[in-house]
Amino acid sequence: MADPTTYLNATIAISTTTQNSTLLEAGFAGLSYTPIGKVGNIGQYGYDTNMVNYPVLGELLNLKAKGATDGGNFTIECAEDLADAGQIAFEAAAAPSVRDSYAFKVTLANGAIHYLRGPCAGPVYPGGGNEDFIRKTFTVGVNQILKTAASS
């Protein structure tokens, strides 16, 4: 069994073109991406499925079933770099007037690659004090099932 790994040396990149249709793993892998520099934190991503229930008279427990599933939103926090091509592309994709979706490639230190797709928003500047870096946070609304692959 391999030791657990951290996000150290993980990278994230944004597709160079809009991706407004569902992609299979091969479709994600065949895209061109621009790495996003100075990323300090990749927020949580995954599914949030509602559990619906129905109380039945005479039953001790409610009936339960899965309801709708939300792909969620995840955030990407960067130390601001005005010359970084990935941050520039992310800002363009996140502009309020842009309604398109983009693909994202998260490459992890354990060799896994996570592919996600969705519209972008931001950036939000969290502010700070004397010893805080100037940071910006983007949000991606995930609108398709996460695809996982092994790096080649």
N, C-alpha and C. Protein backbone atom coordinates (compact mmCIF):
# COMPACT_ATOMS: atom_id res chain seq x y z
N MET A 1 0.84 -1.18 0.00
CA MET A 1 0.00 0.00 0.00
C MET A 1 0.89 1.24 0.00
N ALA A 2 0.59 2.15 -0.89
CA ALA A 2 1.35 3.39 -0.99
C ALA A 2 1.01 4.33 0.16
N ASP A 3 1.99 5.13 0.54
CA ASP A 3 1.75 6.14 1.57
C ASP A 3 0.81 7.20 1.02
N PRO A 4 0.01 7.82 1.89
CA PRO A 4 -0.84 8.92 1.43
C PRO A 4 0.02 10.08 0.95
N THR A 5 -0.52 10.88 0.06
CA THR A 5 0.20 12.03 -0.46
C THR A 5 -0.57 13.31 -0.16
N THR A 6 0.14 14.42 -0.28
CA THR A 6 -0.47 15.73 -0.05
C THR A 6 -0.68 16.43 -1.40
N TYR A 7 -1.14 17.64 -1.33
CA TYR A 7 -1.31 18.45 -2.54
C TYR A 7 -0.01 19.14 -2.97
N LEU A 8 1.09 18.92 -2.25
CA LEU A 8 2.38 19.49 -2.64
C LEU A 8 2.70 19.07 -4.07
N ASN A 9 3.04 20.01 -4.90
CA ASN A 9 3.36 19.81 -6.32
C ASN A 9 2.14 19.53 -7.21
N ALA A 10 0.95 19.66 -6.67
CA ALA A 10 -0.24 19.55 -7.51
C ALA A 10 -0.30 20.76 -8.43
N THR A 11 -0.89 20.57 -9.60
CA THR A 11 -1.06 21.69 -10.53
C THR A 11 -2.50 21.72 -11.01
N ILE A 12 -2.92 22.90 -11.45
CA ILE A 12 -4.24 23.03 -12.04
C ILE A 12 -4.11 23.90 -13.29
N ALA A 13 -4.88 23.54 -14.31
CA ALA A 13 -4.80 24.26 -15.58
C ALA A 13 -6.21 24.44 -16.13
N ILE A 14 -6.40 25.51 -16.90
CA ILE A 14 -7.68 25.84 -17.52
C ILE A 14 -7.58 25.59 -19.03
N SER A 15 -8.66 25.08 -19.62
CA SER A 15 -8.65 24.83 -21.06
C SER A 15 -8.48 26.14 -21.82
N THR A 16 -7.85 26.04 -22.98
CA THR A 16 -7.60 27.23 -23.79
C THR A 16 -8.82 27.62 -24.62
N THR A 17 -9.82 26.74 -24.67
CA THR A 17 -11.06 27.02 -25.41
C THR A 17 -12.25 26.71 -24.53
N THR A 18 -13.39 27.29 -24.87
CA THR A 18 -14.62 27.01 -24.12
C THR A 18 -15.03 25.56 -24.34
N GLN A 19 -15.70 25.00 -23.33
CA GLN A 19 -16.15 23.61 -23.39
C GLN A 19 -17.59 23.56 -22.86
N ASN A 20 -18.53 23.76 -23.76
CA ASN A 20 -19.93 23.86 -23.35
C ASN A 20 -20.71 22.57 -23.49
N SER A 21 -20.04 21.47 -23.80
CA SER A 21 -20.71 20.17 -23.92
C SER A 21 -20.02 19.17 -23.02
N THR A 22 -20.76 18.15 -22.60
CA THR A 22 -20.22 17.10 -21.76
C THR A 22 -19.05 16.42 -22.45
N LEU A 23 -18.00 16.16 -21.69
CA LEU A 23 -16.79 15.54 -22.22
C LEU A 23 -16.56 14.18 -21.59
N LEU A 24 -16.06 13.24 -22.38
CA LEU A 24 -15.57 11.97 -21.87
C LEU A 24 -14.11 12.16 -21.49
N GLU A 25 -13.53 11.16 -20.83
CA GLU A 25 -12.13 11.28 -20.41
C GLU A 25 -11.21 11.61 -21.57
N ALA A 26 -11.40 10.94 -22.71
CA ALA A 26 -10.54 11.18 -23.87
C ALA A 26 -10.70 12.62 -24.38
N GLY A 27 -11.91 13.15 -24.29
CA GLY A 27 -12.15 14.54 -24.70
C GLY A 27 -11.39 15.52 -23.81
N PHE A 28 -11.42 15.27 -22.50
CA PHE A 28 -10.65 16.13 -21.58
C PHE A 28 -9.16 16.02 -21.87
N ALA A 29 -8.69 14.78 -22.03
CA ALA A 29 -7.25 14.55 -22.22
C ALA A 29 -6.74 15.18 -23.52
N GLY A 30 -7.60 15.28 -24.53
CA GLY A 30 -7.18 15.82 -25.81
C GLY A 30 -7.17 17.34 -25.91
N LEU A 31 -7.61 18.00 -24.86
CA LEU A 31 -7.65 19.47 -24.88
C LEU A 31 -6.28 20.08 -24.60
N SER A 32 -6.13 21.33 -24.99
CA SER A 32 -4.95 22.12 -24.61
C SER A 32 -5.31 22.92 -23.36
N TYR A 33 -4.38 23.01 -22.45
CA TYR A 33 -4.61 23.70 -21.17
C TYR A 33 -3.50 24.72 -20.93
N THR A 34 -3.84 25.76 -20.17
CA THR A 34 -2.87 26.74 -19.71
C THR A 34 -2.74 26.58 -18.19
N PRO A 35 -1.53 26.29 -17.69
CA PRO A 35 -1.36 26.15 -16.24
C PRO A 35 -1.66 27.47 -15.53
N ILE A 36 -2.29 27.36 -14.38
CA ILE A 36 -2.58 28.53 -13.55
C ILE A 36 -1.48 28.60 -12.49
N GLY A 37 -0.75 29.70 -12.49
CA GLY A 37 0.40 29.84 -11.60
C GLY A 37 0.05 30.35 -10.22
N LYS A 38 0.96 30.11 -9.31
CA LYS A 38 0.91 30.64 -7.93
C LYS A 38 -0.35 30.19 -7.18
N VAL A 39 -0.87 29.00 -7.49
CA VAL A 39 -2.05 28.48 -6.79
C VAL A 39 -1.63 28.04 -5.39
N GLY A 40 -2.33 28.52 -4.40
CA GLY A 40 -2.03 28.17 -3.01
C GLY A 40 -3.05 27.25 -2.40
N ASN A 41 -4.25 27.20 -2.99
CA ASN A 41 -5.28 26.34 -2.42
C ASN A 41 -6.30 25.99 -3.50
N ILE A 42 -6.63 24.72 -3.57
CA ILE A 42 -7.72 24.24 -4.43
C ILE A 42 -8.81 23.79 -3.47
N GLY A 43 -9.97 24.40 -3.59
CA GLY A 43 -11.06 24.08 -2.68
C GLY A 43 -11.67 22.71 -2.92
N GLN A 44 -12.52 22.33 -2.03
CA GLN A 44 -13.21 21.05 -2.08
C GLN A 44 -14.08 20.92 -3.31
N TYR A 45 -14.09 19.74 -3.92
CA TYR A 45 -14.99 19.48 -5.04
C TYR A 45 -15.49 18.05 -4.94
N GLY A 46 -16.59 17.81 -5.57
CA GLY A 46 -17.25 16.50 -5.51
C GLY A 46 -18.75 16.70 -5.56
N TYR A 47 -19.48 15.66 -5.26
CA TYR A 47 -20.94 15.70 -5.41
C TYR A 47 -21.64 15.93 -4.09
N ASP A 48 -22.77 16.60 -4.18
CA ASP A 48 -23.65 16.78 -3.03
C ASP A 48 -25.03 16.28 -3.45
N THR A 49 -25.36 15.08 -3.03
CA THR A 49 -26.63 14.46 -3.40
C THR A 49 -27.63 14.62 -2.27
N ASN A 50 -28.80 15.14 -2.59
CA ASN A 50 -29.87 15.27 -1.60
C ASN A 50 -30.40 13.90 -1.22
N MET A 51 -30.64 13.73 0.06
CA MET A 51 -31.32 12.53 0.53
C MET A 51 -32.76 12.95 0.85
N VAL A 52 -33.69 12.42 0.11
CA VAL A 52 -35.10 12.76 0.33
C VAL A 52 -35.73 11.68 1.19
N ASN A 53 -36.72 12.09 1.97
CA ASN A 53 -37.37 11.09 2.81
C ASN A 53 -38.87 11.31 2.82
N TYR A 54 -39.56 10.26 3.18
CA TYR A 54 -41.01 10.31 3.22
C TYR A 54 -41.47 9.51 4.44
N PRO A 55 -42.16 10.20 5.37
CA PRO A 55 -42.65 9.49 6.54
C PRO A 55 -43.91 8.68 6.19
N VAL A 56 -43.88 7.42 6.55
CA VAL A 56 -45.01 6.52 6.29
C VAL A 56 -45.69 6.23 7.61
N LEU A 57 -47.00 6.41 7.65
CA LEU A 57 -47.75 6.09 8.86
C LEU A 57 -47.56 4.63 9.21
N GLY A 58 -47.34 4.36 10.46
CA GLY A 58 -47.18 2.98 10.90
C GLY A 58 -45.77 2.44 10.72
N GLU A 59 -44.86 3.23 10.19
CA GLU A 59 -43.47 2.79 10.03
C GLU A 59 -42.60 3.57 11.01
N LEU A 60 -41.66 2.87 11.62
CA LEU A 60 -40.76 3.53 12.57
C LEU A 60 -39.77 4.45 11.86
N LEU A 61 -39.29 4.04 10.68
CA LEU A 61 -38.32 4.82 9.94
C LEU A 61 -38.93 5.39 8.66
N ASN A 62 -38.46 6.56 8.28
CA ASN A 62 -38.88 7.17 7.02
C ASN A 62 -38.31 6.38 5.85
N LEU A 63 -39.02 6.42 4.72
CA LEU A 63 -38.45 5.91 3.48
C LEU A 63 -37.41 6.92 3.01
N LYS A 64 -36.33 6.43 2.43
CA LYS A 64 -35.28 7.34 1.96
C LYS A 64 -34.85 6.93 0.56
N ALA A 65 -34.48 7.94 -0.21
CA ALA A 65 -33.97 7.72 -1.56
C ALA A 65 -33.05 8.89 -1.91
N LYS A 66 -32.26 8.66 -2.92
CA LYS A 66 -31.42 9.76 -3.42
C LYS A 66 -32.26 10.69 -4.26
N GLY A 67 -32.03 11.98 -4.09
CA GLY A 67 -32.69 12.98 -4.90
C GLY A 67 -31.71 13.54 -5.92
N ALA A 68 -31.84 14.81 -6.20
CA ALA A 68 -30.99 15.48 -7.18
C ALA A 68 -29.55 15.59 -6.66
N THR A 69 -28.60 15.56 -7.59
CA THR A 69 -27.19 15.71 -7.24
C THR A 69 -26.66 17.01 -7.83
N ASP A 70 -25.94 17.73 -7.00
CA ASP A 70 -25.31 18.99 -7.41
C ASP A 70 -23.82 18.72 -7.55
N GLY A 71 -23.23 19.15 -8.67
CA GLY A 71 -21.79 19.01 -8.87
C GLY A 71 -20.98 19.90 -7.96
N GLY A 72 -21.63 20.87 -7.33
CA GLY A 72 -20.96 21.75 -6.40
C GLY A 72 -20.18 22.86 -7.08
N ASN A 73 -19.55 23.65 -6.27
CA ASN A 73 -18.65 24.72 -6.69
C ASN A 73 -17.32 24.48 -6.01
N PHE A 74 -16.23 24.80 -6.68
CA PHE A 74 -14.96 24.75 -5.99
C PHE A 74 -14.21 26.05 -6.26
N THR A 75 -13.33 26.37 -5.33
CA THR A 75 -12.58 27.62 -5.43
C THR A 75 -11.11 27.33 -5.70
N ILE A 76 -10.47 28.26 -6.35
CA ILE A 76 -9.04 28.21 -6.60
C ILE A 76 -8.47 29.54 -6.13
N GLU A 77 -7.58 29.48 -5.16
CA GLU A 77 -6.96 30.69 -4.62
C GLU A 77 -5.53 30.81 -5.14
N CYS A 78 -5.19 32.00 -5.62
CA CYS A 78 -3.86 32.26 -6.19
C CYS A 78 -3.25 33.48 -5.52
N ALA A 79 -1.93 33.47 -5.42
CA ALA A 79 -1.21 34.70 -5.12
C ALA A 79 -1.18 35.47 -6.44
N GLU A 80 -1.64 36.71 -6.41
CA GLU A 80 -1.80 37.46 -7.66
C GLU A 80 -0.49 37.59 -8.41
N ASP A 81 -0.54 37.22 -9.70
CA ASP A 81 0.60 37.38 -10.61
C ASP A 81 0.04 37.96 -11.90
N LEU A 82 0.22 39.25 -12.10
CA LEU A 82 -0.38 39.96 -13.23
C LEU A 82 0.16 39.52 -14.58
N ALA A 83 1.29 38.79 -14.59
CA ALA A 83 1.88 38.33 -15.86
C ALA A 83 1.63 36.84 -16.12
N ASP A 84 0.97 36.14 -15.21
CA ASP A 84 0.76 34.70 -15.37
C ASP A 84 -0.34 34.42 -16.39
N ALA A 85 0.00 33.67 -17.44
CA ALA A 85 -0.96 33.40 -18.52
C ALA A 85 -2.20 32.66 -18.02
N GLY A 86 -2.04 31.75 -17.07
CA GLY A 86 -3.18 31.01 -16.53
C GLY A 86 -4.13 31.91 -15.75
N GLN A 87 -3.58 32.80 -14.93
CA GLN A 87 -4.44 33.72 -14.19
C GLN A 87 -5.13 34.70 -15.13
N ILE A 88 -4.42 35.13 -16.17
CA ILE A 88 -5.04 36.03 -17.15
C ILE A 88 -6.19 35.32 -17.86
N ALA A 89 -5.98 34.07 -18.27
CA ALA A 89 -7.04 33.29 -18.93
C ALA A 89 -8.21 33.06 -17.99
N PHE A 90 -7.92 32.77 -16.72
CA PHE A 90 -8.97 32.53 -15.73
C PHE A 90 -9.81 33.79 -15.54
N GLU A 91 -9.15 34.94 -15.44
CA GLU A 91 -9.90 36.20 -15.28
C GLU A 91 -10.80 36.46 -16.48
N ALA A 92 -10.29 36.18 -17.68
CA ALA A 92 -11.12 36.38 -18.88
C ALA A 92 -12.32 35.43 -18.87
N ALA A 93 -12.10 34.18 -18.48
CA ALA A 93 -13.19 33.20 -18.43
C ALA A 93 -14.21 33.55 -17.36
N ALA A 94 -13.76 34.20 -16.29
CA ALA A 94 -14.63 34.52 -15.16
C ALA A 94 -15.36 35.86 -15.29
N ALA A 95 -15.08 36.59 -16.34
CA ALA A 95 -15.74 37.89 -16.52
C ALA A 95 -17.26 37.72 -16.47
N PRO A 96 -17.97 38.65 -15.83
CA PRO A 96 -19.42 38.52 -15.69
C PRO A 96 -20.17 38.34 -17.00
N SER A 97 -19.65 38.86 -18.09
CA SER A 97 -20.34 38.75 -19.38
C SER A 97 -20.11 37.39 -20.06
N VAL A 98 -19.17 36.59 -19.57
CA VAL A 98 -18.86 35.29 -20.18
C VAL A 98 -19.74 34.22 -19.55
N ARG A 99 -20.52 33.54 -20.36
CA ARG A 99 -21.45 32.51 -19.88
C ARG A 99 -20.98 31.10 -20.22
N ASP A 100 -19.81 30.98 -20.83
CA ASP A 100 -19.30 29.68 -21.27
C ASP A 100 -18.70 28.89 -20.12
N SER A 101 -18.56 27.58 -20.36
CA SER A 101 -17.87 26.68 -19.43
C SER A 101 -16.47 26.41 -19.94
N TYR A 102 -15.59 26.09 -19.02
CA TYR A 102 -14.20 25.74 -19.32
C TYR A 102 -13.87 24.43 -18.62
N ALA A 103 -12.91 23.70 -19.18
CA ALA A 103 -12.44 22.47 -18.56
C ALA A 103 -11.24 22.78 -17.67
N PHE A 104 -11.10 22.00 -16.62
CA PHE A 104 -9.99 22.14 -15.69
C PHE A 104 -9.32 20.80 -15.49
N LYS A 105 -8.00 20.83 -15.43
CA LYS A 105 -7.20 19.63 -15.24
C LYS A 105 -6.41 19.80 -13.96
N VAL A 106 -6.74 18.97 -12.96
CA VAL A 106 -6.03 18.99 -11.68
C VAL A 106 -5.11 17.77 -11.67
N THR A 107 -3.80 18.00 -11.66
CA THR A 107 -2.83 16.91 -11.65
C THR A 107 -2.27 16.80 -10.23
N LEU A 108 -2.46 15.65 -9.63
CA LEU A 108 -2.07 15.43 -8.23
C LEU A 108 -0.73 14.71 -8.14
N ALA A 109 -0.08 14.85 -7.00
CA ALA A 109 1.25 14.27 -6.79
C ALA A 109 1.23 12.74 -6.82
N ASN A 110 0.08 12.12 -6.56
CA ASN A 110 0.01 10.65 -6.57
C ASN A 110 -0.20 10.08 -7.96
N GLY A 111 -0.20 10.93 -8.98
CA GLY A 111 -0.36 10.48 -10.36
C GLY A 111 -1.78 10.57 -10.89
N ALA A 112 -2.73 10.89 -10.05
CA ALA A 112 -4.12 11.02 -10.50
C ALA A 112 -4.33 12.36 -11.20
N ILE A 113 -5.23 12.34 -12.16
CA ILE A 113 -5.66 13.57 -12.82
C ILE A 113 -7.17 13.65 -12.66
N HIS A 114 -7.64 14.78 -12.17
CA HIS A 114 -9.08 15.03 -12.06
C HIS A 114 -9.47 16.06 -13.11
N TYR A 115 -10.47 15.72 -13.90
CA TYR A 115 -10.99 16.63 -14.90
C TYR A 115 -12.35 17.13 -14.46
N LEU A 116 -12.55 18.44 -14.52
CA LEU A 116 -13.82 19.07 -14.15
C LEU A 116 -14.18 20.08 -15.24
N ARG A 117 -15.45 20.46 -15.28
CA ARG A 117 -15.89 21.42 -16.30
C ARG A 117 -17.00 22.27 -15.73
N GLY A 118 -16.95 23.59 -16.03
CA GLY A 118 -18.02 24.46 -15.59
C GLY A 118 -17.73 25.93 -15.83
N PRO A 119 -18.73 26.78 -15.56
CA PRO A 119 -18.54 28.22 -15.70
C PRO A 119 -17.70 28.77 -14.55
N CYS A 120 -17.05 29.90 -14.80
CA CYS A 120 -16.14 30.51 -13.84
C CYS A 120 -16.68 31.84 -13.34
N ALA A 121 -16.30 32.20 -12.12
CA ALA A 121 -16.68 33.49 -11.56
C ALA A 121 -15.51 34.02 -10.74
N GLY A 122 -15.51 35.33 -10.53
CA GLY A 122 -14.48 35.94 -9.73
C GLY A 122 -13.65 36.89 -10.58
N PRO A 123 -12.54 37.32 -10.07
CA PRO A 123 -11.99 36.92 -8.78
C PRO A 123 -12.55 37.75 -7.63
N VAL A 124 -12.42 37.17 -6.45
CA VAL A 124 -12.71 37.87 -5.20
C VAL A 124 -11.36 38.06 -4.50
N TYR A 125 -11.13 39.24 -4.00
CA TYR A 125 -9.89 39.53 -3.29
C TYR A 125 -10.17 39.48 -1.79
N PRO A 126 -9.61 38.51 -1.05
CA PRO A 126 -9.96 38.34 0.35
C PRO A 126 -9.37 39.39 1.29
N GLY A 127 -8.52 40.26 0.78
CA GLY A 127 -7.93 41.28 1.65
C GLY A 127 -6.85 40.69 2.54
N GLY A 128 -6.40 41.46 3.51
CA GLY A 128 -5.36 40.97 4.41
C GLY A 128 -4.65 42.09 5.10
N GLY A 129 -3.54 41.73 5.73
CA GLY A 129 -2.75 42.69 6.49
C GLY A 129 -1.32 42.73 6.00
N ASN A 130 -0.44 43.27 6.85
CA ASN A 130 0.96 43.48 6.49
C ASN A 130 1.68 42.24 6.01
N GLU A 131 1.35 41.10 6.55
CA GLU A 131 2.07 39.87 6.22
C GLU A 131 1.23 38.91 5.39
N ASP A 132 0.24 39.43 4.70
CA ASP A 132 -0.59 38.61 3.83
C ASP A 132 -0.26 38.92 2.38
N PHE A 133 -0.19 37.88 1.59
CA PHE A 133 0.01 38.06 0.16
C PHE A 133 -1.27 38.60 -0.47
N ILE A 134 -1.13 39.33 -1.56
CA ILE A 134 -2.30 39.75 -2.34
C ILE A 134 -2.77 38.50 -3.07
N ARG A 135 -3.98 38.08 -2.76
CA ARG A 135 -4.54 36.84 -3.30
C ARG A 135 -5.84 37.14 -4.01
N LYS A 136 -6.21 36.22 -4.88
CA LYS A 136 -7.52 36.30 -5.51
C LYS A 136 -8.09 34.89 -5.57
N THR A 137 -9.41 34.82 -5.45
CA THR A 137 -10.10 33.54 -5.42
C THR A 137 -11.12 33.49 -6.53
N PHE A 138 -11.06 32.43 -7.31
CA PHE A 138 -12.03 32.17 -8.38
C PHE A 138 -12.93 31.03 -7.95
N THR A 139 -14.14 31.00 -8.52
CA THR A 139 -15.08 29.91 -8.27
C THR A 139 -15.43 29.26 -9.60
N VAL A 140 -15.49 27.93 -9.59
CA VAL A 140 -15.93 27.16 -10.75
C VAL A 140 -17.16 26.37 -10.33
N GLY A 141 -18.24 26.51 -11.10
CA GLY A 141 -19.46 25.74 -10.87
C GLY A 141 -19.39 24.45 -11.67
N VAL A 142 -19.24 23.32 -10.99
CA VAL A 142 -19.06 22.04 -11.68
C VAL A 142 -20.39 21.58 -12.27
N ASN A 143 -20.40 21.34 -13.59
CA ASN A 143 -21.67 20.96 -14.23
C ASN A 143 -21.56 19.65 -15.01
N GLN A 144 -20.61 18.82 -14.62
CA GLN A 144 -20.57 17.47 -15.19
C GLN A 144 -19.86 16.54 -14.23
N ILE A 145 -20.08 15.26 -14.41
CA ILE A 145 -19.48 14.24 -13.54
C ILE A 145 -17.94 14.33 -13.61
N LEU A 146 -17.31 14.29 -12.45
CA LEU A 146 -15.86 14.30 -12.34
C LEU A 146 -15.29 13.09 -13.07
N LYS A 147 -14.25 13.32 -13.86
CA LYS A 147 -13.54 12.25 -14.55
C LYS A 147 -12.15 12.14 -13.92
N THR A 148 -11.75 10.90 -13.59
CA THR A 148 -10.44 10.67 -13.00
C THR A 148 -9.62 9.76 -13.91
N ALA A 149 -8.35 10.11 -14.09
CA ALA A 149 -7.46 9.33 -14.92
C ALA A 149 -6.10 9.24 -14.22
N ALA A 150 -5.27 8.32 -14.69
CA ALA A 150 -3.89 8.24 -14.20
C ALA A 150 -3.02 9.05 -15.16
N SER A 151 -2.04 9.74 -14.60
CA SER A 151 -1.16 10.54 -15.47
C SER A 151 -0.30 9.60 -16.30
N SER A 152 0.06 10.08 -17.49
CA SER A 152 0.85 9.22 -18.37
C SER A 152 2.31 9.60 -18.36
